[in-house]
């Protein structure tokens, strides 16, 4: 029977999913001093079907994250979370949905470009997962690896006297016999294995992008700046809507005025046409009557008297 080829893994690797789950746990433990669920929040995490058709899942997810975190306004400032609450619960769901539809190369680029920095931003914003309460676990080892100093002391047994009931003339053995079962002497514990040297991994960090860790004061100042910018944008939008509504009303009034003026001009032109037509008809009638009278006079003047 020929050997079967191993099945290809089509989904995202478990390591990538575990990093997203780690980010989810961090987001649940952000600082309580951060504002919660702001009304005009940019933290809206979803995928637009039109963006998916144009850019794919990699481009659509990156575009949505750029809008949510306003990266075009950060400049060289670090990426941080400015609020907490249910508004960021959809972020891990968006990341999982996007990486499931990406290719292997896109997943690696997305992990380097976004997932690592989102985890770092959550930590810089004060997120810290509390340590779980661990129960003491008893370690069991073989008897050959047991340290005798850790074993409980055994109660020493007295010497055993062996009575010889044989009828021989030999003198009884006055020496204490050796015990039948002697405790095994454990061998010395093996020396601990040396830890393998840790290899220095080259991972992209905030320093590679010129970013630095933000202090709580900088986080508050940045949040205040974003809130002021949102308020200014809201006021500009309200003013723009009012201006458009006023222009729409003026345009409607101008159209109504122009329509009335054209209707008045049309009626005036029709009236002038009727007057011109009536004048032309009366003039023709007068000319015809005068022509007939003149013809009759001419005929009478040239007519001969009847002969007698």
Protein backbone atom coordinates (compact mmCIF):
# COMPACT_ATOMS: atom_id res chain seq x y z
CA UNK A 1 0.00 0.00 0.00
CA UNK A 2 1.61 3.31 -1.07
CA UNK A 3 2.19 5.86 1.68
CA UNK A 4 -0.41 8.61 1.87
CA UNK A 5 0.70 12.23 1.59
CA UNK A 6 0.04 14.43 4.65
CA UNK A 7 -2.95 16.74 4.50
CA UNK A 8 -2.27 20.39 3.80
CA UNK A 9 -3.24 22.91 6.46
CA UNK A 10 -5.42 25.60 4.89
CA UNK A 11 -6.37 27.66 7.96
CA UNK A 12 -4.25 30.14 9.90
CA UNK A 13 -1.58 28.68 12.20
CA UNK A 14 -2.43 28.11 15.84
CA UNK A 15 0.33 30.49 16.90
CA UNK A 16 -1.32 33.37 15.08
CA UNK A 17 -4.74 32.59 16.58
CA UNK A 18 -3.17 32.36 20.05
CA UNK A 19 -1.65 35.84 19.62
CA UNK A 20 -5.07 37.22 18.72
CA UNK A 21 -6.55 35.53 21.79
CA UNK A 22 -3.77 37.07 23.88
CA UNK A 23 -4.68 40.49 22.49
CA UNK A 24 -8.33 39.82 23.40
CA UNK A 25 -7.34 39.07 27.00
CA UNK A 26 -5.26 42.24 27.16
CA UNK A 27 -8.14 44.37 25.87
CA UNK A 28 -10.35 42.99 28.63
CA UNK A 29 -7.85 44.25 31.25
CA UNK A 30 -7.19 47.82 30.13
CA UNK A 31 -6.83 50.55 32.73
CA UNK A 32 -10.09 51.54 34.39
CA UNK A 33 -9.07 55.20 34.07
CA UNK A 34 -9.60 55.09 30.29
CA UNK A 35 -12.99 56.37 29.10
CA UNK A 36 -15.55 53.71 28.35
CA UNK A 37 -17.69 53.51 25.18
CA UNK A 38 -17.51 57.11 23.96
CA UNK A 39 -20.54 58.21 21.89
CA UNK A 40 -18.56 59.55 18.89
CA UNK A 41 -16.00 56.75 18.85
CA UNK A 42 -13.90 55.83 15.82
CA UNK A 43 -13.54 52.31 17.23
CA UNK A 44 -15.87 50.61 14.76
CA UNK A 45 -14.42 47.29 13.65
CA UNK A 46 -16.09 45.65 10.65
CA UNK A 47 -15.21 44.68 7.08
CA UNK A 48 -16.75 46.54 4.16
CA UNK A 49 -17.78 44.30 1.23
CA UNK A 50 -16.81 46.98 -1.28
CA UNK A 51 -13.34 47.28 0.26
CA UNK A 52 -12.97 43.48 0.20
CA UNK A 53 -13.81 43.42 -3.52
CA UNK A 54 -11.29 46.17 -4.26
CA UNK A 55 -8.39 45.35 -1.89
CA UNK A 56 -9.03 41.84 -0.54
CA UNK A 57 -9.20 40.93 3.14
CA UNK A 58 -5.62 42.15 3.82
CA UNK A 59 -6.25 45.64 2.43
CA UNK A 60 -9.80 45.92 3.81
CA UNK A 61 -8.72 44.99 7.35
CA UNK A 62 -5.73 47.36 7.26
CA UNK A 63 -7.88 50.23 5.94
CA UNK A 64 -10.46 49.71 8.69
CA UNK A 65 -7.75 49.70 11.40
CA UNK A 66 -6.20 52.88 9.98
CA UNK A 67 -9.58 54.63 10.21
CA UNK A 68 -10.31 53.29 13.69
CA UNK A 69 -6.97 54.31 15.20
CA UNK A 70 -6.57 57.50 13.10
CA UNK A 71 -3.00 56.55 12.16
CA UNK A 72 -2.79 59.42 9.65
CA UNK A 73 -2.94 61.88 12.59
CA UNK A 74 -0.37 60.11 14.80
CA UNK A 75 2.78 61.02 12.91
CA UNK A 76 5.66 59.71 15.05
CA UNK A 77 3.50 59.24 18.12
CA UNK A 78 2.99 55.67 19.37
CA UNK A 79 -0.16 53.70 18.76
CA UNK A 80 -2.26 53.49 21.94
CA UNK A 81 -5.77 52.58 23.00
CA UNK A 82 -7.70 55.66 24.06
CA UNK A 83 -10.82 53.96 25.41
CA UNK A 84 -12.15 50.65 26.63
CA UNK A 85 -15.44 48.79 26.77
CA UNK A 86 -17.64 46.90 24.36
CA UNK A 87 -16.55 49.10 21.45
CA UNK A 88 -13.32 47.08 21.09
CA UNK A 89 -14.85 43.62 21.58
CA UNK A 90 -15.21 43.24 17.79
CA UNK A 91 -11.49 43.86 17.14
CA UNK A 92 -10.31 40.26 17.81
CA UNK A 93 -13.28 38.95 15.81
CA UNK A 94 -12.30 41.13 12.86
CA UNK A 95 -8.68 39.95 13.05
CA UNK A 96 -9.66 36.26 13.13
CA UNK A 97 -12.10 36.64 10.25
CA UNK A 98 -9.51 38.46 8.14
CA UNK A 99 -6.56 36.09 8.72
CA UNK A 100 -8.72 33.06 7.91
CA UNK A 101 -9.24 34.42 4.39
CA UNK A 102 -5.63 35.56 3.79
CA UNK A 103 -2.78 33.69 2.16
CA UNK A 104 0.26 32.60 4.16
CA UNK A 105 2.32 35.57 2.99
CA UNK A 106 -0.45 38.04 3.81
CA UNK A 107 -0.87 36.52 7.29
CA UNK A 108 2.82 36.97 8.07
CA UNK A 109 2.81 40.57 6.84
CA UNK A 110 -0.41 41.31 8.74
CA UNK A 111 1.04 39.81 11.93
CA UNK A 112 4.14 42.00 11.62
CA UNK A 113 2.31 45.16 10.57
CA UNK A 114 -0.68 45.10 12.93
CA UNK A 115 -1.08 42.27 15.43
CA UNK A 116 2.32 42.77 17.12
CA UNK A 117 1.81 46.52 17.40
CA UNK A 118 -1.73 46.16 18.68
CA UNK A 119 -0.44 43.92 21.47
CA UNK A 120 2.31 46.43 22.27
CA UNK A 121 -0.22 49.29 22.22
CA UNK A 122 -2.46 47.44 24.67
CA UNK A 123 0.47 46.90 27.03
CA UNK A 124 1.56 50.54 26.71
CA UNK A 125 -2.01 51.58 27.53
CA UNK A 126 -1.78 49.76 30.86
CA UNK A 127 -3.32 46.38 29.99
CA UNK A 128 -2.08 43.62 32.25
CA UNK A 129 -3.49 40.11 32.52
CA UNK A 130 -3.76 39.04 36.17
CA UNK A 131 -1.79 35.94 37.07
CA UNK A 132 -4.01 32.87 37.52
CA UNK A 133 -4.18 31.21 40.92
CA UNK A 134 -2.14 28.01 40.62
CA UNK A 135 -2.52 25.05 43.00
CA UNK A 136 0.51 23.25 44.36
CA UNK A 137 1.20 20.12 42.34
CA UNK A 138 3.08 17.22 43.96
CA UNK A 139 5.97 16.03 41.78
CA UNK A 140 6.46 12.24 41.66
CA UNK A 141 9.79 10.68 40.63
CA UNK A 142 11.20 7.20 40.41
CA UNK A 143 12.95 5.59 43.34
CA UNK A 144 16.22 5.76 41.45
CA UNK A 145 16.00 9.57 41.22
CA UNK A 146 14.75 10.22 44.78
CA UNK A 147 16.92 12.32 47.02
CA UNK A 148 17.31 10.39 50.33
CA UNK A 149 17.27 13.62 52.27
CA UNK A 150 13.71 14.29 50.99
CA UNK A 151 12.40 10.84 51.95
CA UNK A 152 10.74 10.39 55.37
CA UNK A 153 12.91 8.65 57.94
CA UNK A 154 12.04 5.00 58.39
CA UNK A 155 11.73 3.45 61.81
CA UNK A 156 14.78 1.38 62.56
CA UNK A 157 14.12 -2.25 63.17
CA UNK A 158 15.81 -4.24 65.99
CA UNK A 159 18.23 -7.04 65.40
CA UNK A 160 16.66 -10.38 64.51
CA UNK A 161 17.80 -13.39 66.49
CA UNK A 162 17.74 -16.68 64.62
CA UNK A 163 17.21 -19.75 66.84
CA UNK A 164 18.78 -22.91 65.54
CA UNK A 165 16.70 -25.94 66.50
CA UNK A 166 18.90 -28.43 64.82
CA UNK A 167 20.48 -31.27 66.86
CA UNK A 168 23.98 -30.66 65.63
CA UNK A 169 26.80 -30.07 68.02
CA UNK A 170 27.72 -26.85 66.39
CA UNK A 171 27.79 -23.80 68.44
CA UNK A 172 24.91 -21.50 67.91
CA UNK A 173 25.52 -18.55 65.64
CA UNK A 174 25.74 -15.59 67.86
CA UNK A 175 26.19 -13.11 65.00
CA UNK A 176 23.20 -11.14 63.89
CA UNK A 177 22.20 -12.21 60.40
CA UNK A 178 22.11 -9.68 57.62
CA UNK A 179 18.64 -8.39 56.93
CA UNK A 180 16.77 -10.10 54.14
CA UNK A 181 15.69 -6.85 52.50
CA UNK A 182 18.12 -4.00 52.56
CA UNK A 183 17.01 -0.55 51.57
CA UNK A 184 18.37 0.38 48.20
CA UNK A 185 20.85 3.21 48.28
CA UNK A 186 19.70 5.74 45.71
CA UNK A 187 22.30 6.88 43.22
CA UNK A 188 23.31 10.51 43.25
CA UNK A 189 20.94 12.82 41.41
CA UNK A 190 22.11 13.69 37.90
CA UNK A 191 23.39 17.22 37.43
CA UNK A 192 20.88 19.65 36.00
CA UNK A 193 20.91 20.03 32.28
CA UNK A 194 22.29 23.32 31.08
CA UNK A 195 19.76 25.58 29.43
CA UNK A 196 20.29 25.98 25.70
CA UNK A 197 21.54 29.41 24.70
CA UNK A 198 18.67 31.65 23.73
CA UNK A 199 18.77 32.90 20.20
CA UNK A 200 18.13 36.54 19.69
CA UNK A 201 15.12 36.94 17.45
CA UNK A 202 14.83 39.85 15.11
CA UNK A 203 11.30 41.12 15.47
CA UNK A 204 9.87 44.43 14.42
CA UNK A 205 9.40 46.71 17.41
CA UNK A 206 8.03 50.18 17.96
CA UNK A 207 11.60 51.50 17.90
CA UNK A 208 11.95 50.29 14.31
CA UNK A 209 9.11 52.59 13.33
CA UNK A 210 10.39 55.51 15.40
CA UNK A 211 7.70 55.02 18.06
CA UNK A 212 8.18 55.16 21.80
CA UNK A 213 6.20 54.15 24.84
CA UNK A 214 3.67 56.74 25.86
CA UNK A 215 3.26 57.92 29.43
CA UNK A 216 -0.20 58.19 31.05
CA UNK A 217 -0.06 61.98 30.66
CA UNK A 218 0.64 61.63 26.93
CA UNK A 219 -2.22 59.16 26.61
CA UNK A 220 -4.62 61.60 28.31
CA UNK A 221 -3.35 64.50 26.20
CA UNK A 222 -3.75 62.49 23.02
CA UNK A 223 -7.24 61.41 24.01
CA UNK A 224 -8.13 65.06 24.77
CA UNK A 225 -6.76 66.10 21.39
CA UNK A 226 -8.77 63.43 19.58
CA UNK A 227 -11.92 64.43 21.45
CA UNK A 228 -11.41 68.09 20.50
CA UNK A 229 -10.79 67.13 16.88
CA UNK A 230 -13.95 65.03 16.87
CA UNK A 231 -15.92 67.93 18.30
CA UNK A 232 -14.51 70.31 15.66
CA UNK A 233 -15.36 67.84 12.91
CA UNK A 234 -18.87 67.47 14.27
CA UNK A 235 -19.38 71.24 14.31
CA UNK A 236 -17.99 71.53 10.78
CA UNK A 237 -20.34 68.80 9.60
CA UNK A 238 -23.35 70.51 11.22
CA UNK A 239 -22.39 73.84 9.64
CA UNK A 240 -21.86 72.17 6.27
CA UNK A 241 -25.26 70.46 6.48
CA UNK A 242 -26.95 73.78 7.34
CA UNK A 243 -25.17 75.51 4.46
CA UNK A 244 -26.24 72.81 2.02
CA UNK A 245 -29.82 72.99 3.26
CA UNK A 246 -29.85 76.79 2.79
CA UNK A 247 -28.38 76.47 -0.72
CA UNK A 248 -31.01 73.88 -1.55
CA UNK A 249 -33.81 76.21 -0.44
CA UNK A 250 -32.38 79.11 -2.45
CA UNK A 251 -32.03 76.92 -5.51
CA UNK A 252 -35.64 75.76 -5.17
CA UNK A 253 -36.86 79.36 -4.90
CA UNK A 254 -34.80 80.40 -7.93
CA UNK A 255 -36.26 77.56 -9.96
CA UNK A 256 -39.79 78.52 -8.94
CA UNK A 257 -39.17 82.18 -9.89
CA UNK A 258 -37.66 81.20 -13.22
CA UNK A 259 -40.59 78.88 -13.93
CA UNK A 260 -43.14 81.66 -13.24
CA UNK A 261 -41.25 84.14 -15.39
CA UNK A 262 -41.10 81.74 -18.32
CA UNK A 263 -44.80 80.97 -17.96
CA UNK A 264 -45.58 84.72 -17.99
CA UNK A 265 -43.38 85.25 -21.06
CA UNK A 266 -45.04 82.33 -22.84
CA UNK A 267 -48.53 83.71 -22.17
CA UNK A 268 -47.48 87.19 -23.31
CA UNK A 269 -45.99 85.81 -26.52
CA UNK A 270 -49.16 83.81 -27.24
CA UNK A 271 -51.31 86.92 -26.69
CA UNK A 272 -49.16 88.99 -29.09
CA UNK A 273 -49.44 86.26 -31.69
CA UNK A 274 -53.25 86.24 -31.48
CA UNK A 275 -53.36 90.05 -31.84
CA UNK A 276 -51.09 89.98 -34.90
CA UNK A 277 -53.19 87.25 -36.50
CA UNK A 278 -56.41 89.22 -35.96
CA UNK A 279 -54.90 92.42 -37.39
CA UNK A 280 -53.66 90.63 -40.48
CA UNK A 281 -57.10 89.11 -41.14
CA UNK A 282 -58.96 92.45 -40.87
CA UNK A 283 -56.44 94.16 -43.15
CA UNK A 284 -56.89 91.56 -45.84
CA UNK A 285 -60.68 91.97 -45.66
CA UNK A 286 -60.47 95.75 -46.13
CA UNK A 287 -58.12 95.36 -49.09
CA UNK A 288 -60.47 92.87 -50.75
CA UNK A 289 -63.55 95.16 -50.37
CA UNK A 290 -61.77 98.17 -51.80
CA UNK A 291 -60.52 96.09 -54.70
CA UNK A 292 -64.03 94.91 -55.58
CA UNK A 293 -65.50 98.44 -55.44
CA UNK A 294 -62.74 99.80 -57.67
CA UNK A 295 -63.27 97.01 -60.18
CA UNK A 296 -66.98 97.70 -60.35
CA UNK A 297 -66.37 101.43 -61.00
CA UNK A 298 -63.94 100.58 -63.73
CA UNK A 299 -66.35 98.26 -65.36
CA UNK A 300 -69.17 100.85 -65.31
CA UNK A 301 -66.97 103.56 -66.77
CA UNK A 302 -65.90 101.45 -69.71
CA UNK A 303 -69.18 99.82 -70.36
CA UNK A 304 -70.99 101.04 -73.66
CA UNK A 305 -74.57 102.30 -73.59
CA UNK A 306 -76.97 99.92 -75.17
CA UNK A 307 -77.77 100.55 -78.86
CA UNK A 308 -81.31 101.74 -79.91
